Amino acid sequence: MLRGIIRGHIVSTKKQDSLVGSKFMEVQIMKNGELTDEYLIAVDSVGAGINEEVLITTGSSARLALHNANAPCDAVIVGIVD
């Protein structure tokens, strides 16, 4: 899992059918408690907002988090850090 801060949302007027209704977020990645210059785009499965600290799962686990093993997705926000 990765930890990061949501920096913005990505607007997509056309999506692959299995991702319709999904919200895409731009996340700045943290390592060892410090922000890095790395960013990724993740599907939001928990309703997180801008500037919230989140947990992200990647790879095949991301598709499972969406409950759709066929979704073309490799990063999903699965938690909000309190």
N, C-alpha and C. Protein backbone atom coordinates (compact mmCIF):
# COMPACT_ATOMS: atom_id res chain seq x y z
N MET A 1 0.84 -1.19 0.00
CA MET A 1 0.00 0.00 0.00
C MET A 1 0.87 1.24 0.00
N LEU A 2 0.29 2.29 -0.52
CA LEU A 2 0.95 3.59 -0.55
C LEU A 2 0.16 4.58 0.29
N ARG A 3 0.83 5.63 0.73
CA ARG A 3 0.18 6.71 1.45
C ARG A 3 0.40 7.99 0.66
N GLY A 4 -0.60 8.86 0.64
CA GLY A 4 -0.45 10.10 -0.11
C GLY A 4 -1.48 11.14 0.28
N ILE A 5 -1.37 12.31 -0.35
CA ILE A 5 -2.28 13.43 -0.14
C ILE A 5 -2.98 13.72 -1.46
N ILE A 6 -4.30 13.84 -1.41
CA ILE A 6 -5.05 14.16 -2.62
C ILE A 6 -4.81 15.62 -2.97
N ARG A 7 -4.39 15.86 -4.21
CA ARG A 7 -4.08 17.22 -4.67
C ARG A 7 -5.10 17.75 -5.66
N GLY A 8 -5.90 16.89 -6.25
CA GLY A 8 -6.89 17.36 -7.21
C GLY A 8 -7.69 16.21 -7.76
N HIS A 9 -8.68 16.56 -8.56
CA HIS A 9 -9.48 15.53 -9.22
C HIS A 9 -9.27 15.63 -10.73
N ILE A 10 -9.50 14.54 -11.40
CA ILE A 10 -9.32 14.45 -12.84
C ILE A 10 -10.69 14.31 -13.48
N VAL A 11 -11.01 15.20 -14.39
CA VAL A 11 -12.29 15.15 -15.10
C VAL A 11 -12.11 14.32 -16.37
N SER A 12 -12.98 13.35 -16.54
CA SER A 12 -12.94 12.49 -17.71
C SER A 12 -14.35 12.36 -18.26
N THR A 13 -14.58 12.94 -19.41
CA THR A 13 -15.93 12.90 -19.97
C THR A 13 -16.25 11.55 -20.61
N LYS A 14 -15.22 10.80 -20.98
CA LYS A 14 -15.41 9.45 -21.54
C LYS A 14 -14.54 8.50 -20.74
N LYS A 15 -15.12 7.35 -20.36
CA LYS A 15 -14.38 6.35 -19.60
C LYS A 15 -14.72 4.97 -20.15
N GLN A 16 -13.87 4.02 -19.89
CA GLN A 16 -14.15 2.63 -20.19
C GLN A 16 -15.39 2.26 -19.38
N ASP A 17 -16.27 1.46 -19.94
CA ASP A 17 -17.57 1.17 -19.34
C ASP A 17 -17.51 0.75 -17.87
N SER A 18 -16.54 -0.06 -17.49
CA SER A 18 -16.48 -0.53 -16.10
C SER A 18 -16.06 0.55 -15.12
N LEU A 19 -15.60 1.70 -15.62
CA LEU A 19 -15.19 2.81 -14.75
C LEU A 19 -16.18 3.96 -14.73
N VAL A 20 -17.27 3.85 -15.47
CA VAL A 20 -18.29 4.90 -15.47
C VAL A 20 -18.82 5.05 -14.05
N GLY A 21 -18.90 6.28 -13.57
CA GLY A 21 -19.35 6.55 -12.21
C GLY A 21 -18.22 6.63 -11.21
N SER A 22 -17.00 6.28 -11.61
CA SER A 22 -15.85 6.35 -10.73
C SER A 22 -15.26 7.76 -10.74
N LYS A 23 -14.70 8.17 -9.60
CA LYS A 23 -14.07 9.47 -9.47
C LYS A 23 -12.56 9.26 -9.47
N PHE A 24 -11.85 9.98 -10.34
CA PHE A 24 -10.39 9.89 -10.43
C PHE A 24 -9.76 11.04 -9.65
N MET A 25 -8.75 10.71 -8.83
CA MET A 25 -8.07 11.71 -8.02
C MET A 25 -6.57 11.69 -8.30
N GLU A 26 -5.95 12.88 -8.26
CA GLU A 26 -4.51 12.99 -8.37
C GLU A 26 -3.93 12.99 -6.96
N VAL A 27 -3.01 12.07 -6.71
CA VAL A 27 -2.47 11.88 -5.36
C VAL A 27 -0.95 12.09 -5.37
N GLN A 28 -0.49 12.93 -4.42
CA GLN A 28 0.95 13.11 -4.22
C GLN A 28 1.41 12.06 -3.22
N ILE A 29 2.40 11.26 -3.59
CA ILE A 29 2.84 10.11 -2.80
C ILE A 29 3.75 10.56 -1.65
N MET A 30 3.60 9.87 -0.51
CA MET A 30 4.47 10.08 0.65
C MET A 30 5.36 8.86 0.84
N LYS A 31 6.59 9.10 1.27
CA LYS A 31 7.50 8.02 1.64
C LYS A 31 8.19 8.42 2.93
N ASN A 32 8.22 7.51 3.88
CA ASN A 32 8.82 7.77 5.19
C ASN A 32 8.24 9.03 5.83
N GLY A 33 6.95 9.26 5.65
CA GLY A 33 6.29 10.40 6.27
C GLY A 33 6.51 11.73 5.59
N GLU A 34 7.24 11.74 4.48
CA GLU A 34 7.54 12.97 3.75
C GLU A 34 6.94 12.93 2.35
N LEU A 35 6.44 14.07 1.90
CA LEU A 35 5.92 14.15 0.53
C LEU A 35 7.05 14.03 -0.47
N THR A 36 6.78 13.36 -1.58
CA THR A 36 7.75 13.23 -2.66
C THR A 36 7.27 14.05 -3.86
N ASP A 37 8.04 14.01 -4.93
CA ASP A 37 7.65 14.66 -6.18
C ASP A 37 6.86 13.71 -7.07
N GLU A 38 6.48 12.55 -6.56
CA GLU A 38 5.75 11.55 -7.33
C GLU A 38 4.25 11.73 -7.17
N TYR A 39 3.54 11.59 -8.28
CA TYR A 39 2.09 11.67 -8.29
C TYR A 39 1.53 10.45 -9.01
N LEU A 40 0.30 10.08 -8.68
CA LEU A 40 -0.39 9.05 -9.45
C LEU A 40 -1.87 9.38 -9.49
N ILE A 41 -2.55 8.76 -10.42
CA ILE A 41 -3.99 8.90 -10.55
C ILE A 41 -4.62 7.63 -9.98
N ALA A 42 -5.58 7.80 -9.06
CA ALA A 42 -6.23 6.65 -8.43
C ALA A 42 -7.74 6.83 -8.45
N VAL A 43 -8.44 5.72 -8.54
CA VAL A 43 -9.90 5.72 -8.43
C VAL A 43 -10.25 5.84 -6.95
N ASP A 44 -11.17 6.74 -6.62
CA ASP A 44 -11.59 6.95 -5.25
C ASP A 44 -12.76 6.03 -4.91
N SER A 45 -12.55 5.11 -3.97
CA SER A 45 -13.62 4.19 -3.57
C SER A 45 -14.20 4.53 -2.20
N VAL A 46 -13.71 5.62 -1.58
CA VAL A 46 -14.14 5.94 -0.21
C VAL A 46 -14.70 7.36 -0.05
N GLY A 47 -14.75 8.14 -1.11
CA GLY A 47 -15.28 9.50 -1.01
C GLY A 47 -14.33 10.49 -0.39
N ALA A 48 -13.05 10.34 -0.66
CA ALA A 48 -12.04 11.25 -0.12
C ALA A 48 -12.08 12.60 -0.83
N GLY A 49 -11.54 13.62 -0.17
CA GLY A 49 -11.55 14.97 -0.73
C GLY A 49 -10.15 15.55 -0.85
N ILE A 50 -10.08 16.72 -1.46
CA ILE A 50 -8.82 17.42 -1.67
C ILE A 50 -8.12 17.65 -0.33
N ASN A 51 -6.80 17.46 -0.31
CA ASN A 51 -5.91 17.65 0.84
C ASN A 51 -6.08 16.61 1.94
N GLU A 52 -6.86 15.55 1.69
CA GLU A 52 -6.96 14.48 2.68
C GLU A 52 -5.83 13.48 2.46
N GLU A 53 -5.35 12.91 3.57
CA GLU A 53 -4.34 11.87 3.51
C GLU A 53 -5.04 10.54 3.31
N VAL A 54 -4.58 9.76 2.34
CA VAL A 54 -5.27 8.54 1.96
C VAL A 54 -4.31 7.35 1.84
N LEU A 55 -4.91 6.16 1.86
CA LEU A 55 -4.19 4.92 1.60
C LEU A 55 -4.61 4.42 0.23
N ILE A 56 -3.63 3.93 -0.53
CA ILE A 56 -3.87 3.50 -1.90
C ILE A 56 -3.35 2.08 -2.06
N THR A 57 -4.15 1.25 -2.69
CA THR A 57 -3.68 -0.08 -3.06
C THR A 57 -3.44 -0.08 -4.57
N THR A 58 -2.45 -0.85 -5.00
CA THR A 58 -2.09 -0.87 -6.42
C THR A 58 -2.03 -2.30 -6.94
N GLY A 59 -1.92 -2.41 -8.24
CA GLY A 59 -1.80 -3.71 -8.88
C GLY A 59 -3.12 -4.45 -8.93
N SER A 60 -3.05 -5.78 -8.93
CA SER A 60 -4.27 -6.58 -9.05
C SER A 60 -5.19 -6.37 -7.86
N SER A 61 -4.66 -6.01 -6.70
CA SER A 61 -5.50 -5.73 -5.52
C SER A 61 -6.41 -4.54 -5.76
N ALA A 62 -6.00 -3.61 -6.61
CA ALA A 62 -6.83 -2.44 -6.90
C ALA A 62 -8.13 -2.85 -7.58
N ARG A 63 -8.04 -3.75 -8.52
CA ARG A 63 -9.26 -4.22 -9.19
C ARG A 63 -10.19 -4.92 -8.21
N LEU A 64 -9.63 -5.65 -7.28
CA LEU A 64 -10.45 -6.33 -6.28
C LEU A 64 -11.14 -5.33 -5.36
N ALA A 65 -10.47 -4.21 -5.07
CA ALA A 65 -11.07 -3.17 -4.23
C ALA A 65 -12.29 -2.55 -4.90
N LEU A 66 -12.31 -2.58 -6.23
CA LEU A 66 -13.45 -2.05 -6.98
C LEU A 66 -14.54 -3.09 -7.16
N HIS A 67 -14.31 -4.31 -6.68
CA HIS A 67 -15.24 -5.43 -6.84
C HIS A 67 -15.50 -5.73 -8.32
N ASN A 68 -14.46 -5.49 -9.14
CA ASN A 68 -14.56 -5.79 -10.56
C ASN A 68 -13.17 -6.21 -11.05
N ALA A 69 -12.93 -7.49 -11.08
CA ALA A 69 -11.61 -8.00 -11.45
C ALA A 69 -11.24 -7.70 -12.89
N ASN A 70 -12.19 -7.23 -13.70
CA ASN A 70 -11.91 -6.92 -15.09
C ASN A 70 -11.72 -5.42 -15.35
N ALA A 71 -11.83 -4.59 -14.32
CA ALA A 71 -11.67 -3.14 -14.49
C ALA A 71 -10.22 -2.81 -14.83
N PRO A 72 -9.99 -1.93 -15.81
CA PRO A 72 -8.63 -1.56 -16.18
C PRO A 72 -8.09 -0.49 -15.22
N CYS A 73 -7.75 -0.91 -14.01
CA CYS A 73 -7.36 0.03 -12.97
C CYS A 73 -6.19 -0.56 -12.18
N ASP A 74 -5.19 0.26 -11.88
CA ASP A 74 -4.08 -0.26 -11.08
C ASP A 74 -3.80 0.56 -9.83
N ALA A 75 -4.68 1.50 -9.46
CA ALA A 75 -4.53 2.25 -8.22
C ALA A 75 -5.91 2.69 -7.73
N VAL A 76 -6.23 2.32 -6.46
CA VAL A 76 -7.52 2.66 -5.87
C VAL A 76 -7.31 3.19 -4.46
N ILE A 77 -7.98 4.29 -4.14
CA ILE A 77 -7.96 4.83 -2.79
C ILE A 77 -8.89 3.96 -1.96
N VAL A 78 -8.34 3.35 -0.89
CA VAL A 78 -9.11 2.41 -0.08
C VAL A 78 -9.29 2.88 1.36
N GLY A 79 -8.70 3.99 1.74
CA GLY A 79 -8.86 4.48 3.10
C GLY A 79 -8.48 5.93 3.24
N ILE A 80 -9.09 6.59 4.24
CA ILE A 80 -8.75 7.96 4.60
C ILE A 80 -8.06 7.90 5.96
N VAL A 81 -6.88 8.50 6.07
CA VAL A 81 -6.11 8.49 7.31
C VAL A 81 -6.65 9.56 8.25
N ASP A 82 -6.94 9.16 9.49
CA ASP A 82 -7.46 10.11 10.49
C ASP A 82 -6.34 10.96 11.07
